[in-house]
Amino acid sequence: MLGAAGWIGLGWPTEFGGRNATVGQQIIWAEEYARAQAPGRVNHMGENLLGPTLIEHGTKEQCERFLPPILSGDERWCQGYSEPNAGSDLANVQTRAVLDGDQWIINGQKVWTSLAHVSHWCFVVARTEVGSARHKGLSFLLVPMDQPGVEARIIVQITGGGEFNEVFLSDAVTGADMIVGEPGKGWGVAMDLLALERGISTLAQQVGFERELDNLIAEAKKKGSAADPIMRQRLADAYTGLKLMQWNALRSMGSGVPGPEASISKLFWGTWHSDLGELAMDIGGTESMIAEGFPYELTLDQKMFLFTRSETIYGGSNEIQRNVLGERVLGLPKEPNPA
């Protein structure tokens, strides 16, 4: 329904089915959508990440093939970046792809792949040049999920959810033309896509954070813990941090596509939200630590606490973000290679 009404791909050029909306208009839409507590859109990867990446780096044929079904919701996408030994250090990708005639043959494993079990396609970062290392020799491939060489296994989380997957690629194939950008130069494409991940959608995320904080303040008043000056100070610190996030995100959006300094945002909100989860447990008291009988449904605060344990790790750990800021923003020397 959203696609039919023209509410998907707002910032895309009109020739690709979008509205060519300004950054300000996209921000308003994202914030109001989140404020209405509308359900999360299952094709976030296609709409907000791959679509703009194809418009920037893809061929005319790729745009014509993939953009319309993203807008209509007929094809869903997942992200094949992280691997067992290449999580925060994405440049350590070991998945390999070999060009054999008119197709790529891909072998490797991806992990923490959101919604892979319900996706039709996956954009995969794979090593395509023999002997290459780190950022060199990587390519950005578009791989169909419905084939014998692709297996997605759901990872059951500590919260009981199952949105993440392991993806095994065993002689998986895709067409020779299913490469975005030049062979061996996929790192730049992959990084441009990650910059989008830390763009407008972060403002909608912060609306959700604001709702969580409002609920915690109300709960603190109800339980009487708001009378504790230390608890009041922690709530005030959380509110201050939220406003800093919002203002910094607006400033960043106003200056164009985020660069390496976007790591400031990820570092800040990952830590802030993790701290908020701990604050929620402290406000809830001992009852927030107890599960009474089975089947037991976790409260929203318990789910937030458990899930936020991962937020200083996924999408680039805090340590990686500090390295990016030190080396690429402040110009500090790189760490010595332990090898």
C-alpha atoms as a PDB file:
ATOM      1  CA  MET A   1       0.000   0.000   0.000  1.00  0.00           C
ATOM      2  CA  LEU A   2       2.807   2.420   0.842  1.00  0.00           C
ATOM      3  CA  GLY A   3       4.489   1.686  -2.477  1.00  0.00           C
ATOM      4  CA  ALA A   4       1.284   2.127  -4.462  1.00  0.00           C
ATOM      5  CA  ALA A   5       0.699   5.460  -2.723  1.00  0.00           C
ATOM      6  CA  GLY A   6       4.218   6.671  -3.507  1.00  0.00           C
ATOM      7  CA  TRP A   7       5.553   6.603   0.062  1.00  0.00           C
ATOM      8  CA  ILE A   8       8.490   4.268  -0.645  1.00  0.00           C
ATOM      9  CA  GLY A   9      11.756   5.646  -2.008  1.00  0.00           C
ATOM     10  CA  LEU A  10      10.804   9.262  -1.314  1.00  0.00           C
ATOM     11  CA  GLY A  11      14.292  10.570  -2.019  1.00  0.00           C
ATOM     12  CA  TRP A  12      14.757   8.601  -5.232  1.00  0.00           C
ATOM     13  CA  PRO A  13      14.702  10.548  -8.511  1.00  0.00           C
ATOM     14  CA  THR A  14      11.311  10.617 -10.206  1.00  0.00           C
ATOM     15  CA  GLU A  15      12.631   8.661 -13.196  1.00  0.00           C
ATOM     16  CA  PHE A  16      13.195   5.724 -10.833  1.00  0.00           C
ATOM     17  CA  GLY A  17       9.762   5.936  -9.239  1.00  0.00           C
ATOM     18  CA  GLY A  18      10.586   8.223  -6.322  1.00  0.00           C
ATOM     19  CA  ARG A  19       9.400  11.715  -5.411  1.00  0.00           C
ATOM     20  CA  ASN A  20      12.817  13.409  -5.462  1.00  0.00           C
ATOM     21  CA  ALA A  21      12.035  14.586  -1.919  1.00  0.00           C
ATOM     22  CA  THR A  22      14.491  16.878  -0.168  1.00  0.00           C
ATOM     23  CA  VAL A  23      16.442  15.694   2.872  1.00  0.00           C
ATOM     24  CA  GLY A  24      14.153  17.790   5.076  1.00  0.00           C
ATOM     25  CA  GLN A  25      11.041  16.189   3.612  1.00  0.00           C
ATOM     26  CA  GLN A  26      12.503  12.705   4.070  1.00  0.00           C
ATOM     27  CA  ILE A  27      13.329  13.492   7.695  1.00  0.00           C
ATOM     28  CA  ILE A  28       9.778  14.663   8.385  1.00  0.00           C
ATOM     29  CA  TRP A  29       8.332  11.504   6.811  1.00  0.00           C
ATOM     30  CA  ALA A  30      10.707   9.180   8.704  1.00  0.00           C
ATOM     31  CA  GLU A  31      10.044  10.858  12.048  1.00  0.00           C
ATOM     32  CA  GLU A  32       6.263  10.963  11.639  1.00  0.00           C
ATOM     33  CA  TYR A  33       6.175   7.325  10.493  1.00  0.00           C
ATOM     34  CA  ALA A  34       8.080   6.330  13.632  1.00  0.00           C
ATOM     35  CA  ARG A  35       6.025   8.631  15.859  1.00  0.00           C
ATOM     36  CA  ALA A  36       2.826   6.949  14.623  1.00  0.00           C
ATOM     37  CA  GLN A  37       4.354   3.619  15.739  1.00  0.00           C
ATOM     38  CA  ALA A  38       3.717   2.200  12.289  1.00  0.00           C
ATOM     39  CA  PRO A  39       5.244  -1.268  11.788  1.00  0.00           C
ATOM     40  CA  GLY A  40       8.821  -1.568  10.629  1.00  0.00           C
ATOM     41  CA  ARG A  41       9.102  -2.058   6.872  1.00  0.00           C
ATOM     42  CA  VAL A  42      10.512  -5.482   6.110  1.00  0.00           C
ATOM     43  CA  ASN A  43      12.315  -4.258   2.978  1.00  0.00           C
ATOM     44  CA  HIS A  44      14.372  -1.562   4.693  1.00  0.00           C
ATOM     45  CA  MET A  45      17.516  -3.030   3.116  1.00  0.00           C
ATOM     46  CA  GLY A  46      16.122  -2.669  -0.374  1.00  0.00           C
ATOM     47  CA  GLU A  47      14.422   0.690   0.019  1.00  0.00           C
ATOM     48  CA  ASN A  48      16.950   2.632   2.077  1.00  0.00           C
ATOM     49  CA  LEU A  49      20.242   0.905   1.283  1.00  0.00           C
ATOM     50  CA  LEU A  50      20.394  -1.010  -1.986  1.00  0.00           C
ATOM     51  CA  GLY A  51      18.039   1.223  -3.985  1.00  0.00           C
ATOM     52  CA  PRO A  52      20.078   4.429  -3.514  1.00  0.00           C
ATOM     53  CA  THR A  53      23.284   2.418  -4.055  1.00  0.00           C
ATOM     54  CA  LEU A  54      22.055   1.122  -7.420  1.00  0.00           C
ATOM     55  CA  ILE A  55      21.003   4.628  -8.423  1.00  0.00           C
ATOM     56  CA  GLU A  56      24.528   5.862  -7.601  1.00  0.00           C
ATOM     57  CA  HIS A  57      26.679   2.935  -8.758  1.00  0.00           C
ATOM     58  CA  GLY A  58      24.498   0.523 -10.731  1.00  0.00           C
ATOM     59  CA  THR A  59      23.891   0.181 -14.450  1.00  0.00           C
ATOM     60  CA  LYS A  60      20.745   1.316 -16.221  1.00  0.00           C
ATOM     61  CA  GLU A  61      19.755  -2.335 -16.664  1.00  0.00           C
ATOM     62  CA  GLN A  62      20.220  -3.069 -12.957  1.00  0.00           C
ATOM     63  CA  CYS A  63      18.083  -0.091 -11.992  1.00  0.00           C
ATOM     64  CA  GLU A  64      15.337  -1.111 -14.407  1.00  0.00           C
ATOM     65  CA  ARG A  65      15.427  -4.697 -13.148  1.00  0.00           C
ATOM     66  CA  PHE A  66      15.549  -4.172  -9.385  1.00  0.00           C
ATOM     67  CA  LEU A  67      14.126  -0.776  -8.425  1.00  0.00           C
ATOM     68  CA  PRO A  68      10.460  -1.364  -9.417  1.00  0.00           C
ATOM     69  CA  PRO A  69      10.061  -4.563  -7.312  1.00  0.00           C
ATOM     70  CA  ILE A  70      11.719  -2.802  -4.367  1.00  0.00           C
ATOM     71  CA  LEU A  71       9.133  -0.024  -4.580  1.00  0.00           C
ATOM     72  CA  SER A  72       6.252  -2.484  -4.891  1.00  0.00           C
ATOM     73  CA  GLY A  73       7.564  -4.744  -2.127  1.00  0.00           C
ATOM     74  CA  ASP A  74       7.571  -7.766  -4.426  1.00  0.00           C
ATOM     75  CA  GLU A  75      11.279  -8.460  -3.808  1.00  0.00           C
ATOM     76  CA  ARG A  76      12.974  -8.240  -0.423  1.00  0.00           C
ATOM     77  CA  TRP A  77      16.702  -7.838   0.170  1.00  0.00           C
ATOM     78  CA  CYS A  78      19.219  -8.760   2.849  1.00  0.00           C
ATOM     79  CA  GLN A  79      22.812  -7.675   3.451  1.00  0.00           C
ATOM     80  CA  GLY A  80      25.657 -10.186   3.047  1.00  0.00           C
ATOM     81  CA  TYR A  81      28.511  -8.371   4.785  1.00  0.00           C
ATOM     82  CA  SER A  82      29.479  -9.885   8.157  1.00  0.00           C
ATOM     83  CA  GLU A  83      31.245 -13.241   8.420  1.00  0.00           C
ATOM     84  CA  PRO A  84      32.420 -15.371  11.367  1.00  0.00           C
ATOM     85  CA  ASN A  85      35.879 -13.757  11.068  1.00  0.00           C
ATOM     86  CA  ALA A  86      34.812 -10.474   9.483  1.00  0.00           C
ATOM     87  CA  GLY A  87      32.324  -8.676  11.677  1.00  0.00           C
ATOM     88  CA  SER A  88      33.488  -5.263  12.801  1.00  0.00           C
ATOM     89  CA  ASP A  89      36.605  -5.830  10.674  1.00  0.00           C
ATOM     90  CA  LEU A  90      34.705  -6.155   7.409  1.00  0.00           C
ATOM     91  CA  ALA A  91      37.863  -5.924   5.291  1.00  0.00           C
ATOM     92  CA  ASN A  92      38.741  -9.445   6.458  1.00  0.00           C
ATOM     93  CA  VAL A  93      36.044 -10.941   4.182  1.00  0.00           C
ATOM     94  CA  GLN A  94      36.854 -14.526   3.163  1.00  0.00           C
ATOM     95  CA  THR A  95      33.837 -15.344   0.955  1.00  0.00           C
ATOM     96  CA  ARG A  96      35.167 -15.877  -2.568  1.00  0.00           C
ATOM     97  CA  ALA A  97      33.598 -15.478  -5.990  1.00  0.00           C
ATOM     98  CA  VAL A  98      35.069 -16.738  -9.252  1.00  0.00           C
ATOM     99  CA  LEU A  99      33.898 -15.634 -12.694  1.00  0.00           C
ATOM    100  CA  ASP A 100      33.142 -18.730 -14.775  1.00  0.00           C
ATOM    101  CA  GLY A 101      31.865 -17.807 -18.220  1.00  0.00           C
ATOM    102  CA  ASP A 102      28.641 -15.860 -17.821  1.00  0.00           C
ATOM    103  CA  GLN A 103      28.231 -16.374 -14.086  1.00  0.00           C
ATOM    104  CA  TRP A 104      29.895 -15.861 -10.721  1.00  0.00           C
ATOM    105  CA  ILE A 105      30.355 -18.925  -8.497  1.00  0.00           C
ATOM    106  CA  ILE A 106      30.361 -17.971  -4.812  1.00  0.00           C
ATOM    107  CA  ASN A 107      31.548 -19.898  -1.758  1.00  0.00           C
ATOM    108  CA  GLY A 108      31.648 -18.754   1.843  1.00  0.00           C
ATOM    109  CA  GLN A 109      29.580 -17.982   4.906  1.00  0.00           C
ATOM    110  CA  LYS A 110      27.797 -14.859   6.111  1.00  0.00           C
ATOM    111  CA  VAL A 111      26.394 -14.337   9.588  1.00  0.00           C
ATOM    112  CA  TRP A 112      24.027 -11.970  11.416  1.00  0.00           C
ATOM    113  CA  THR A 113      22.190 -11.502   8.130  1.00  0.00           C
ATOM    114  CA  SER A 114      18.916  -9.771   8.992  1.00  0.00           C
ATOM    115  CA  LEU A 115      15.769 -11.367   7.511  1.00  0.00           C
ATOM    116  CA  ALA A 116      17.710 -13.610   5.124  1.00  0.00           C
ATOM    117  CA  HIS A 117      15.101 -16.337   5.643  1.00  0.00           C
ATOM    118  CA  VAL A 118      12.389 -14.162   4.067  1.00  0.00           C
ATOM    119  CA  SER A 119      14.514 -12.376   1.442  1.00  0.00           C
ATOM    120  CA  HIS A 120      14.563 -12.943  -2.308  1.00  0.00           C
ATOM    121  CA  TRP A 121      17.998 -11.410  -2.955  1.00  0.00           C
ATOM    122  CA  CYS A 122      21.182 -10.643  -1.039  1.00  0.00           C
ATOM    123  CA  PHE A 123      23.856  -8.052  -1.818  1.00  0.00           C
ATOM    124  CA  VAL A 124      27.114  -9.813  -1.043  1.00  0.00           C
ATOM    125  CA  VAL A 125      30.639  -8.515  -0.527  1.00  0.00           C
ATOM    126  CA  ALA A 126      33.008 -11.209  -1.826  1.00  0.00           C
ATOM    127  CA  ARG A 127      36.695 -11.483  -2.654  1.00  0.00           C
ATOM    128  CA  THR A 128      37.077 -11.834  -6.432  1.00  0.00           C
ATOM    129  CA  GLU A 129      40.831 -11.371  -6.900  1.00  0.00           C
ATOM    130  CA  VAL A 130      43.138 -14.233  -5.930  1.00  0.00           C
ATOM    131  CA  GLY A 131      45.852 -13.168  -3.501  1.00  0.00           C
ATOM    132  CA  SER A 132      44.162  -9.885  -2.601  1.00  0.00           C
ATOM    133  CA  ALA A 133      43.869  -8.758   0.998  1.00  0.00           C
ATOM    134  CA  ARG A 134      41.936  -6.290   3.085  1.00  0.00           C
ATOM    135  CA  HIS A 135      40.057  -3.626   1.104  1.00  0.00           C
ATOM    136  CA  LYS A 136      41.473  -4.586  -2.283  1.00  0.00           C
ATOM    137  CA  GLY A 137      40.032  -7.247  -4.568  1.00  0.00           C
ATOM    138  CA  LEU A 138      36.489  -7.164  -3.164  1.00  0.00           C
ATOM    139  CA  SER A 139      33.382  -6.987  -5.347  1.00  0.00           C
ATOM    140  CA  PHE A 140      29.743  -6.122  -4.655  1.00  0.00           C
ATOM    141  CA  LEU A 141      27.481  -8.874  -6.041  1.00  0.00           C
ATOM    142  CA  LEU A 142      23.707  -9.330  -6.253  1.00  0.00           C
ATOM    143  CA  VAL A 143      22.833 -12.943  -5.422  1.00  0.00           C
ATOM    144  CA  PRO A 144      19.418 -14.678  -5.635  1.00  0.00           C
ATOM    145  CA  MET A 145      18.496 -16.501  -2.412  1.00  0.00           C
ATOM    146  CA  ASP A 146      16.186 -19.108  -3.968  1.00  0.00           C
ATOM    147  CA  GLN A 147      18.746 -21.583  -5.303  1.00  0.00           C
ATOM    148  CA  PRO A 148      20.325 -24.871  -4.139  1.00  0.00           C
ATOM    149  CA  GLY A 149      23.644 -23.204  -3.296  1.00  0.00           C
ATOM    150  CA  VAL A 150      22.188 -20.853  -0.670  1.00  0.00           C
ATOM    151  CA  GLU A 151      21.056 -21.948   2.798  1.00  0.00           C
ATOM    152  CA  ALA A 152      19.771 -19.565   5.492  1.00  0.00           C
ATOM    153  CA  ARG A 153      19.655 -20.775   9.105  1.00  0.00           C
ATOM    154  CA  ILE A 154      17.835 -18.695  11.708  1.00  0.00           C
ATOM    155  CA  ILE A 155      19.807 -17.652  14.810  1.00  0.00           C
ATOM    156  CA  VAL A 156      17.587 -17.683  17.911  1.00  0.00           C
ATOM    157  CA  GLN A 157      18.428 -14.629  20.029  1.00  0.00           C
ATOM    158  CA  ILE A 158      18.511 -14.354  23.803  1.00  0.00           C
ATOM    159  CA  THR A 159      15.241 -12.404  23.561  1.00  0.00           C
ATOM    160  CA  GLY A 160      13.591 -15.375  21.832  1.00  0.00           C
ATOM    161  CA  GLY A 161      13.422 -13.579  18.489  1.00  0.00           C
ATOM    162  CA  GLY A 162      14.841 -14.913  15.251  1.00  0.00           C
ATOM    163  CA  GLU A 163      15.468 -12.083  12.792  1.00  0.00           C
ATOM    164  CA  PHE A 164      19.154 -12.882  12.165  1.00  0.00           C
ATOM    165  CA  ASN A 165      20.588 -15.719  10.103  1.00  0.00           C
ATOM    166  CA  GLU A 166      23.666 -17.617   9.115  1.00  0.00           C
ATOM    167  CA  VAL A 167      23.886 -17.838   5.319  1.00  0.00           C
ATOM    168  CA  PHE A 168      25.927 -20.587   3.674  1.00  0.00           C
ATOM    169  CA  LEU A 169      27.012 -20.108   0.062  1.00  0.00           C
ATOM    170  CA  SER A 170      28.081 -23.395  -1.546  1.00  0.00           C
ATOM    171  CA  ASP A 171      28.738 -22.966  -5.256  1.00  0.00           C
ATOM    172  CA  ALA A 172      25.980 -20.363  -5.296  1.00  0.00           C
ATOM    173  CA  VAL A 173      25.652 -18.645  -8.656  1.00  0.00           C
ATOM    174  CA  THR A 174      24.647 -15.286 -10.025  1.00  0.00           C
ATOM    175  CA  GLY A 175      24.956 -13.685 -13.443  1.00  0.00           C
ATOM    176  CA  ALA A 176      28.176 -12.062 -14.601  1.00  0.00           C
ATOM    177  CA  ASP A 177      26.224  -8.812 -14.941  1.00  0.00           C
ATOM    178  CA  MET A 178      25.097  -8.942 -11.284  1.00  0.00           C
ATOM    179  CA  ILE A 179      28.069  -6.908 -10.074  1.00  0.00           C
ATOM    180  CA  VAL A 180      27.644  -3.317  -8.893  1.00  0.00           C
ATOM    181  CA  GLY A 181      30.603  -1.137  -9.802  1.00  0.00           C
ATOM    182  CA  GLU A 182      33.884  -2.469 -11.128  1.00  0.00           C
ATOM    183  CA  PRO A 183      35.330  -5.900 -10.257  1.00  0.00           C
ATOM    184  CA  GLY A 184      37.730  -5.670  -7.335  1.00  0.00           C
ATOM    185  CA  LYS A 185      36.478  -2.218  -6.322  1.00  0.00           C
ATOM    186  CA  GLY A 186      33.475  -3.210  -4.254  1.00  0.00           C
ATOM    187  CA  TRP A 187      34.829  -1.760  -1.022  1.00  0.00           C
ATOM    188  CA  GLY A 188      33.885   1.775  -2.049  1.00  0.00           C
ATOM    189  CA  VAL A 189      30.376   0.654  -3.013  1.00  0.00           C
ATOM    190  CA  ALA A 190      29.981  -1.197   0.290  1.00  0.00           C
ATOM    191  CA  MET A 191      31.122   1.824   2.318  1.00  0.00           C
ATOM    192  CA  ASP A 192      28.814   4.207   0.453  1.00  0.00           C
ATOM    193  CA  LEU A 193      25.948   1.882   1.337  1.00  0.00           C
ATOM    194  CA  LEU A 194      26.937   1.850   5.018  1.00  0.00           C
ATOM    195  CA  ALA A 195      26.925   5.656   5.039  1.00  0.00           C
ATOM    196  CA  LEU A 196      23.264   5.477   3.998  1.00  0.00           C
ATOM    197  CA  GLU A 197      22.606   3.149   6.945  1.00  0.00           C
ATOM    198  CA  ARG A 198      23.689   5.951   9.266  1.00  0.00           C
ATOM    199  CA  GLY A 199      21.675   8.620   7.503  1.00  0.00           C
ATOM    200  CA  ILE A 200      18.022   9.626   7.655  1.00  0.00           C
ATOM    201  CA  SER A 201      16.878   6.357   9.242  1.00  0.00           C
ATOM    202  CA  THR A 202      18.831   7.261  12.396  1.00  0.00           C
ATOM    203  CA  LEU A 203      16.402  10.125  13.043  1.00  0.00           C
ATOM    204  CA  ALA A 204      13.462   7.729  12.952  1.00  0.00           C
ATOM    205  CA  GLN A 205      15.410   5.463  15.285  1.00  0.00           C
ATOM    206  CA  GLN A 206      15.789   8.360  17.702  1.00  0.00           C
ATOM    207  CA  VAL A 207      12.017   8.855  17.778  1.00  0.00           C
ATOM    208  CA  GLY A 208      11.827   5.294  19.072  1.00  0.00           C
ATOM    209  CA  PHE A 209      14.510   6.099  21.652  1.00  0.00           C
ATOM    210  CA  GLU A 210      12.491   9.124  22.756  1.00  0.00           C
ATOM    211  CA  ARG A 211       9.394   6.969  23.252  1.00  0.00           C
ATOM    212  CA  GLU A 212      11.395   4.472  25.324  1.00  0.00           C
ATOM    213  CA  LEU A 213      12.793   7.252  27.509  1.00  0.00           C
ATOM    214  CA  ASP A 214       9.333   8.799  28.009  1.00  0.00           C
ATOM    215  CA  ASN A 215       8.034   5.396  29.121  1.00  0.00           C
ATOM    216  CA  LEU A 216      10.932   5.015  31.562  1.00  0.00           C
ATOM    217  CA  ILE A 217      10.292   8.457  33.070  1.00  0.00           C
ATOM    218  CA  ALA A 218       6.622   7.552  33.553  1.00  0.00           C
ATOM    219  CA  GLU A 219       7.591   4.212  35.110  1.00  0.00           C
ATOM    220  CA  ALA A 220      10.088   5.891  37.444  1.00  0.00           C
ATOM    221  CA  LYS A 221       7.363   8.250  38.662  1.00  0.00           C
ATOM    222  CA  LYS A 222       4.925   5.367  39.127  1.00  0.00           C
ATOM    223  CA  LYS A 223       7.389   3.240  41.121  1.00  0.00           C
ATOM    224  CA  GLY A 224       8.646   6.181  43.179  1.00  0.00           C
ATOM    225  CA  SER A 225      12.230   5.840  41.987  1.00  0.00           C
ATOM    226  CA  ALA A 226      12.029   9.335  40.464  1.00  0.00           C
ATOM    227  CA  ALA A 227      12.313  10.643  44.035  1.00  0.00           C
ATOM    228  CA  ASP A 228      15.875   9.313  44.158  1.00  0.00           C
ATOM    229  CA  PRO A 229      18.228  12.184  43.163  1.00  0.00           C
ATOM    230  CA  ILE A 230      20.714   9.767  41.574  1.00  0.00           C
ATOM    231  CA  MET A 231      17.965   8.199  39.456  1.00  0.00           C
ATOM    232  CA  ARG A 232      16.712  11.656  38.458  1.00  0.00           C
ATOM    233  CA  GLN A 233      20.235  12.596  37.372  1.00  0.00           C
ATOM    234  CA  ARG A 234      20.538   9.427  35.264  1.00  0.00           C
ATOM    235  CA  LEU A 235      17.221  10.202  33.572  1.00  0.00           C
ATOM    236  CA  ALA A 236      18.329  13.792  32.960  1.00  0.00           C
ATOM    237  CA  ASP A 237      21.617  12.553  31.481  1.00  0.00           C
ATOM    238  CA  ALA A 238      19.678  10.212  29.178  1.00  0.00           C
ATOM    239  CA  TYR A 239      17.472  13.096  28.017  1.00  0.00           C
ATOM    240  CA  THR A 240      20.512  15.302  27.377  1.00  0.00           C
ATOM    241  CA  GLY A 241      22.175  12.535  25.385  1.00  0.00           C
ATOM    242  CA  LEU A 242      19.055  12.029  23.288  1.00  0.00           C
ATOM    243  CA  LYS A 243      18.897  15.709  22.369  1.00  0.00           C
ATOM    244  CA  LEU A 244      22.588  15.719  21.462  1.00  0.00           C
ATOM    245  CA  MET A 245      21.964  12.750  19.150  1.00  0.00           C
ATOM    246  CA  GLN A 246      19.033  14.456  17.459  1.00  0.00           C
ATOM    247  CA  TRP A 247      20.816  17.768  16.912  1.00  0.00           C
ATOM    248  CA  ASN A 248      23.996  16.101  15.695  1.00  0.00           C
ATOM    249  CA  ALA A 249      22.018  13.945  13.242  1.00  0.00           C
ATOM    250  CA  LEU A 250      20.219  17.006  11.862  1.00  0.00           C
ATOM    251  CA  ARG A 251      23.529  18.844  11.474  1.00  0.00           C
ATOM    252  CA  SER A 252      25.048  15.849   9.701  1.00  0.00           C
ATOM    253  CA  MET A 253      22.071  15.491   7.350  1.00  0.00           C
ATOM    254  CA  GLY A 254      22.235  19.172   6.507  1.00  0.00           C
ATOM    255  CA  SER A 255      25.822  18.810   5.310  1.00  0.00           C
ATOM    256  CA  GLY A 256      25.084  15.980   2.859  1.00  0.00           C
ATOM    257  CA  VAL A 257      25.969  12.286   2.809  1.00  0.00           C
ATOM    258  CA  PRO A 258      27.776  11.343   6.069  1.00  0.00           C
ATOM    259  CA  GLY A 259      31.499  10.622   5.861  1.00  0.00           C
ATOM    260  CA  PRO A 260      33.823   8.931   8.373  1.00  0.00           C
ATOM    261  CA  GLU A 261      32.562  11.308  11.054  1.00  0.00           C
ATOM    262  CA  ALA A 262      29.307   9.306  10.999  1.00  0.00           C
ATOM    263  CA  SER A 263      31.196   6.962  13.323  1.00  0.00           C
ATOM    264  CA  ILE A 264      30.579   9.553  16.057  1.00  0.00           C
ATOM    265  CA  SER A 265      26.860   8.875  15.782  1.00  0.00           C
ATOM    266  CA  LYS A 266      27.178   5.065  15.907  1.00  0.00           C
ATOM    267  CA  LEU A 267      29.605   5.218  18.825  1.00  0.00           C
ATOM    268  CA  PHE A 268      27.349   7.586  20.755  1.00  0.00           C
ATOM    269  CA  TRP A 269      23.951   5.985  20.217  1.00  0.00           C
ATOM    270  CA  GLY A 270      25.193   2.426  20.714  1.00  0.00           C
ATOM    271  CA  THR A 271      26.594   3.341  24.127  1.00  0.00           C
ATOM    272  CA  TRP A 272      23.637   5.583  25.016  1.00  0.00           C
ATOM    273  CA  HIS A 273      21.022   2.923  24.244  1.00  0.00           C
ATOM    274  CA  SER A 274      22.980   0.249  26.113  1.00  0.00           C
ATOM    275  CA  ASP A 275      23.061   2.543  29.150  1.00  0.00           C
ATOM    276  CA  LEU A 276      19.316   3.150  28.773  1.00  0.00           C
ATOM    277  CA  GLY A 277      18.718  -0.607  28.916  1.00  0.00           C
ATOM    278  CA  GLU A 278      20.610  -0.780  32.214  1.00  0.00           C
ATOM    279  CA  LEU A 279      18.637   2.195  33.519  1.00  0.00           C
ATOM    280  CA  ALA A 280      15.386   0.401  32.629  1.00  0.00           C
ATOM    281  CA  MET A 281      16.449  -2.625  34.677  1.00  0.00           C
ATOM    282  CA  ASP A 282      17.358  -0.433  37.657  1.00  0.00           C
ATOM    283  CA  ILE A 283      14.002   1.349  37.532  1.00  0.00           C
ATOM    284  CA  GLY A 284      12.178  -1.988  37.298  1.00  0.00           C
ATOM    285  CA  GLY A 285      14.009  -3.297  40.334  1.00  0.00           C
ATOM    286  CA  THR A 286      14.257  -6.969  41.227  1.00  0.00           C
ATOM    287  CA  GLU A 287      11.099  -7.884  39.311  1.00  0.00           C
ATOM    288  CA  SER A 288      12.821  -6.928  36.057  1.00  0.00           C
ATOM    289  CA  MET A 289      15.312  -9.750  36.651  1.00  0.00           C
ATOM    290  CA  ILE A 290      12.714 -12.471  37.212  1.00  0.00           C
ATOM    291  CA  ALA A 291      10.949 -14.715  34.702  1.00  0.00           C
ATOM    292  CA  GLU A 292       7.882 -16.310  36.303  1.00  0.00           C
ATOM    293  CA  GLY A 293       7.058 -19.675  34.772  1.00  0.00           C
ATOM    294  CA  PHE A 294       6.885 -20.775  31.146  1.00  0.00           C
ATOM    295  CA  PRO A 295       6.013 -19.782  28.545  1.00  0.00           C
ATOM    296  CA  TYR A 296       7.277 -16.416  29.702  1.00  0.00           C
ATOM    297  CA  GLU A 297       6.844 -13.254  27.649  1.00  0.00           C
ATOM    298  CA  LEU A 298       9.602 -10.719  28.183  1.00  0.00           C
ATOM    299  CA  THR A 299       8.542  -7.164  28.978  1.00  0.00           C
ATOM    300  CA  LEU A 300       9.517  -4.383  26.580  1.00  0.00           C
ATOM    301  CA  ASP A 301      12.127  -3.159  29.061  1.00  0.00           C
ATOM    302  CA  GLN A 302      13.647  -6.636  29.359  1.00  0.00           C
ATOM    303  CA  LYS A 303      13.781  -7.003  25.586  1.00  0.00           C
ATOM    304  CA  MET A 304      15.417  -3.588  25.299  1.00  0.00           C
ATOM    305  CA  PHE A 305      18.033  -4.464  27.919  1.00  0.00           C
ATOM    306  CA  LEU A 306      18.913  -7.791  26.292  1.00  0.00           C
ATOM    307  CA  PHE A 307      19.015  -6.479  22.713  1.00  0.00           C
ATOM    308  CA  THR A 308      21.033  -3.372  23.557  1.00  0.00           C
ATOM    309  CA  ARG A 309      23.885  -5.613  24.757  1.00  0.00           C
ATOM    310  CA  SER A 310      24.664  -6.068  21.062  1.00  0.00           C
ATOM    311  CA  GLU A 311      24.477  -2.448  19.973  1.00  0.00           C
ATOM    312  CA  THR A 312      28.045  -1.565  20.881  1.00  0.00           C
ATOM    313  CA  ILE A 313      29.132  -4.466  18.636  1.00  0.00           C
ATOM    314  CA  TYR A 314      27.015  -4.738  15.475  1.00  0.00           C
ATOM    315  CA  GLY A 315      27.362  -2.276  12.626  1.00  0.00           C
ATOM    316  CA  GLY A 316      30.970  -1.694  13.659  1.00  0.00           C
ATOM    317  CA  SER A 317      32.012  -2.143  17.295  1.00  0.00           C
ATOM    318  CA  ASN A 318      32.890   0.802  19.528  1.00  0.00           C
ATOM    319  CA  GLU A 319      36.562  -0.085  19.126  1.00  0.00           C
ATOM    320  CA  ILE A 320      36.306   0.022  15.329  1.00  0.00           C
ATOM    321  CA  GLN A 321      34.418   3.341  15.435  1.00  0.00           C
ATOM    322  CA  ARG A 322      37.164   4.882  17.573  1.00  0.00           C
ATOM    323  CA  ASN A 323      39.785   3.647  15.116  1.00  0.00           C
ATOM    324  CA  VAL A 324      37.865   5.194  12.211  1.00  0.00           C
ATOM    325  CA  LEU A 325      37.579   8.521  14.020  1.00  0.00           C
ATOM    326  CA  GLY A 326      41.212   8.521  15.088  1.00  0.00           C
ATOM    327  CA  GLU A 327      42.680   7.555  11.722  1.00  0.00           C
ATOM    328  CA  ARG A 328      40.286   9.060   9.159  1.00  0.00           C
ATOM    329  CA  VAL A 329      38.953  12.133  10.968  1.00  0.00           C
ATOM    330  CA  LEU A 330      41.737  13.160  13.359  1.00  0.00           C
ATOM    331  CA  GLY A 331      44.590  11.898  11.159  1.00  0.00           C
ATOM    332  CA  LEU A 332      46.265   9.878  13.905  1.00  0.00           C
ATOM    333  CA  PRO A 333      48.702   7.072  12.965  1.00  0.00           C
ATOM    334  CA  LYS A 334      47.295   3.574  12.576  1.00  0.00           C
ATOM    335  CA  GLU A 335      47.687   0.980  15.291  1.00  0.00           C
ATOM    336  CA  PRO A 336      50.705  -1.320  14.895  1.00  0.00           C
ATOM    337  CA  ASN A 337      49.821  -4.602  13.207  1.00  0.00           C
ATOM    338  CA  PRO A 338      50.053  -7.316  15.907  1.00  0.00           C
ATOM    339  CA  ALA A 339      51.089  -9.821  13.221  1.00  0.00           C
END
